[in-house]
Amino acid sequence: MTENIFQVMLQNRRNLHAILTKTSKDKLLKIPQGFNNNVYWNIAHTIITQQLLVYKFSGLQMRVPDNLVDKFKKGTVPDGTASDEEMMVIADFLISTAEWLIEDYETNLFQTFNEYTTSAKVTLKNVDDAIAFNLFHEGLHIGQIALLLKQLA
């Protein structure tokens, strides 16, 4: 895995952190007409998806609690609410999960991988594939977030 991929991941996460911490809670949680999710869900979903793709499929313990996985995994929809405490936890996980991934990768924690074909029909055969695909996935959600913010302006 190239150092640049990790730097792009960290910068994406910093950008999401800025959106999460500088946007009003009302805007973060509002689901505009014609949409089925909100800015906050998209941000939290990026964290959960990274954990599932990289850690779960490597047979490792995810670093986020199951209740957050259940709330923000693929196929879930937001209810338009979130506690301030949960939002702070998500903000912290944006950066920490990216940093942990880099550390865990550099210490060769990822030894096995259960092959997985994504809904985008991309087959992930190893952790490098999962990290690369996750960067693409986060880019899709950053685009969705930009569209949602434009609708809320």
Protein backbone atom coordinates (compact mmCIF):
# COMPACT_ATOMS: atom_id res chain seq x y z
CA MET A 1 0.00 0.00 0.00
CA THR A 2 1.44 3.34 -0.92
CA GLU A 3 1.90 6.08 1.64
CA ASN A 4 -0.13 8.38 -0.62
CA ILE A 5 -3.30 6.32 -0.23
CA PHE A 6 -3.07 6.72 3.53
CA GLN A 7 -2.47 10.45 3.18
CA VAL A 8 -5.54 10.80 0.93
CA MET A 9 -7.57 8.80 3.46
CA LEU A 10 -6.44 11.02 6.33
CA GLN A 11 -7.20 14.20 4.40
CA ASN A 12 -10.66 12.91 3.45
CA ARG A 13 -11.29 12.17 7.12
CA ARG A 14 -10.06 15.63 8.18
CA ASN A 15 -12.44 17.17 5.64
CA LEU A 16 -15.34 15.10 6.99
CA HIS A 17 -14.36 16.05 10.55
CA ALA A 18 -14.48 19.73 9.61
CA ILE A 19 -17.95 19.30 8.10
CA LEU A 20 -19.18 17.41 11.16
CA THR A 21 -17.82 19.89 13.68
CA LYS A 22 -18.58 23.13 11.80
CA THR A 23 -22.07 22.41 10.43
CA SER A 24 -25.13 22.98 12.59
CA LYS A 25 -26.70 19.90 14.12
CA ASP A 26 -29.99 20.74 12.38
CA LYS A 27 -28.29 20.70 8.97
CA LEU A 28 -26.34 17.54 9.75
CA LEU A 29 -29.51 15.66 10.68
CA LYS A 30 -31.97 17.07 8.14
CA ILE A 31 -33.04 14.69 5.38
CA PRO A 32 -33.91 16.85 2.35
CA GLN A 33 -36.95 15.98 0.27
CA GLY A 34 -36.04 13.33 -2.29
CA PHE A 35 -33.20 11.91 -0.19
CA ASN A 36 -33.17 8.93 2.16
CA ASN A 37 -30.24 9.96 4.33
CA ASN A 38 -28.47 12.97 5.81
CA VAL A 39 -24.97 14.42 6.13
CA TYR A 40 -24.43 12.86 9.55
CA TRP A 41 -25.41 9.36 8.41
CA ASN A 42 -23.06 9.58 5.42
CA ILE A 43 -20.15 10.63 7.64
CA ALA A 44 -20.78 7.90 10.22
CA HIS A 45 -21.33 5.33 7.45
CA THR A 46 -17.80 5.92 6.11
CA ILE A 47 -16.33 4.93 9.48
CA ILE A 48 -18.44 1.80 9.80
CA THR A 49 -17.81 0.66 6.22
CA GLN A 50 -14.03 1.01 6.66
CA GLN A 51 -14.21 -1.13 9.79
CA LEU A 52 -16.29 -3.80 8.08
CA LEU A 53 -14.25 -3.93 4.86
CA VAL A 54 -10.82 -3.86 6.44
CA TYR A 55 -11.14 -5.38 9.91
CA LYS A 56 -14.14 -7.71 9.75
CA PHE A 57 -13.14 -9.26 6.42
CA SER A 58 -9.62 -9.71 7.82
CA GLY A 59 -11.12 -11.71 10.67
CA LEU A 60 -10.21 -9.05 13.24
CA GLN A 61 -12.15 -7.27 15.96
CA MET A 62 -13.55 -3.98 14.73
CA ARG A 63 -12.53 -0.90 16.73
CA VAL A 64 -16.04 0.56 16.86
CA PRO A 65 -18.96 -0.61 19.01
CA ASP A 66 -21.59 -2.92 17.53
CA ASN A 67 -24.39 -0.43 18.21
CA LEU A 68 -22.77 2.03 15.80
CA VAL A 69 -22.24 -0.70 13.21
CA ASP A 70 -25.92 -1.62 13.46
CA LYS A 71 -26.98 2.02 13.11
CA PHE A 72 -24.76 3.06 10.18
CA LYS A 73 -23.98 -0.05 8.11
CA LYS A 74 -25.13 -0.44 4.52
CA GLY A 75 -28.89 -0.72 4.25
CA THR A 76 -29.69 1.43 7.27
CA VAL A 77 -31.49 4.74 7.15
CA PRO A 78 -31.23 7.59 9.63
CA ASP A 79 -34.11 8.57 11.87
CA GLY A 80 -33.03 12.21 11.91
CA THR A 81 -31.79 12.14 15.49
CA ALA A 82 -28.43 11.82 17.24
CA SER A 83 -27.22 12.72 20.70
CA ASP A 84 -24.42 15.24 21.13
CA GLU A 85 -22.41 12.47 22.79
CA GLU A 86 -22.80 10.14 19.81
CA MET A 87 -21.82 12.92 17.43
CA MET A 88 -18.64 13.55 19.45
CA VAL A 89 -17.83 9.82 19.36
CA ILE A 90 -18.27 9.80 15.58
CA ALA A 91 -16.05 12.89 15.26
CA ASP A 92 -13.33 11.16 17.28
CA PHE A 93 -13.63 7.93 15.29
CA LEU A 94 -13.23 9.80 11.99
CA ILE A 95 -9.58 10.45 12.77
CA SER A 96 -8.73 7.62 15.16
CA THR A 97 -9.96 4.81 12.91
CA ALA A 98 -7.85 6.16 10.05
CA GLU A 99 -4.77 6.45 12.27
CA TRP A 100 -5.33 2.97 13.74
CA LEU A 101 -5.64 1.49 10.26
CA ILE A 102 -2.27 2.94 9.28
CA GLU A 103 -0.63 1.67 12.48
CA ASP A 104 -2.21 -1.77 12.15
CA TYR A 105 -1.21 -2.01 8.51
CA GLU A 106 2.37 -0.99 9.23
CA THR A 107 2.65 -3.62 11.99
CA ASN A 108 1.32 -6.32 9.63
CA LEU A 109 -1.79 -6.99 11.70
CA PHE A 110 -3.75 -7.99 8.59
CA GLN A 111 -2.69 -11.57 7.88
CA THR A 112 -5.82 -13.10 6.36
CA PHE A 113 -8.73 -11.81 4.31
CA ASN A 114 -12.10 -13.30 3.45
CA GLU A 115 -12.74 -12.49 -0.20
CA TYR A 116 -15.78 -10.26 -0.66
CA THR A 117 -17.63 -8.88 -3.66
CA THR A 118 -19.05 -5.42 -3.03
CA SER A 119 -22.41 -4.13 -4.20
CA ALA A 120 -20.42 -2.22 -6.85
CA LYS A 121 -19.37 -5.67 -8.21
CA VAL A 122 -15.74 -5.21 -7.15
CA THR A 123 -14.15 -8.32 -5.65
CA LEU A 124 -11.81 -7.61 -2.76
CA LYS A 125 -9.19 -10.35 -2.47
CA ASN A 126 -6.93 -8.89 0.21
CA VAL A 127 -6.60 -6.03 2.66
CA ASP A 128 -4.91 -3.81 0.06
CA ASP A 129 -7.96 -4.20 -2.18
CA ALA A 130 -10.21 -3.35 0.78
CA ILE A 131 -8.25 -0.20 1.64
CA ALA A 132 -8.24 0.97 -1.98
CA PHE A 133 -11.95 0.26 -2.42
CA ASN A 134 -12.72 2.00 0.86
CA LEU A 135 -11.07 5.17 -0.46
CA PHE A 136 -13.35 5.01 -3.51
CA HIS A 137 -16.37 4.37 -1.24
CA GLU A 138 -15.56 7.35 0.95
CA GLY A 139 -15.21 9.50 -2.18
CA LEU A 140 -18.74 8.51 -3.23
CA HIS A 141 -20.08 9.57 0.15
CA ILE A 142 -18.13 12.83 0.14
CA GLY A 143 -19.89 13.59 -3.15
CA GLN A 144 -23.25 12.71 -1.59
CA ILE A 145 -22.46 14.97 1.38
CA ALA A 146 -21.61 17.86 -0.96
CA LEU A 147 -24.94 17.34 -2.75
CA LEU A 148 -26.84 17.24 0.56
CA LEU A 149 -25.13 20.41 1.79
CA LYS A 150 -26.03 22.16 -1.45
CA GLN A 151 -29.68 21.18 -0.94
CA LEU A 152 -29.57 22.52 2.62
CA ALA A 153 -27.95 25.87 1.74
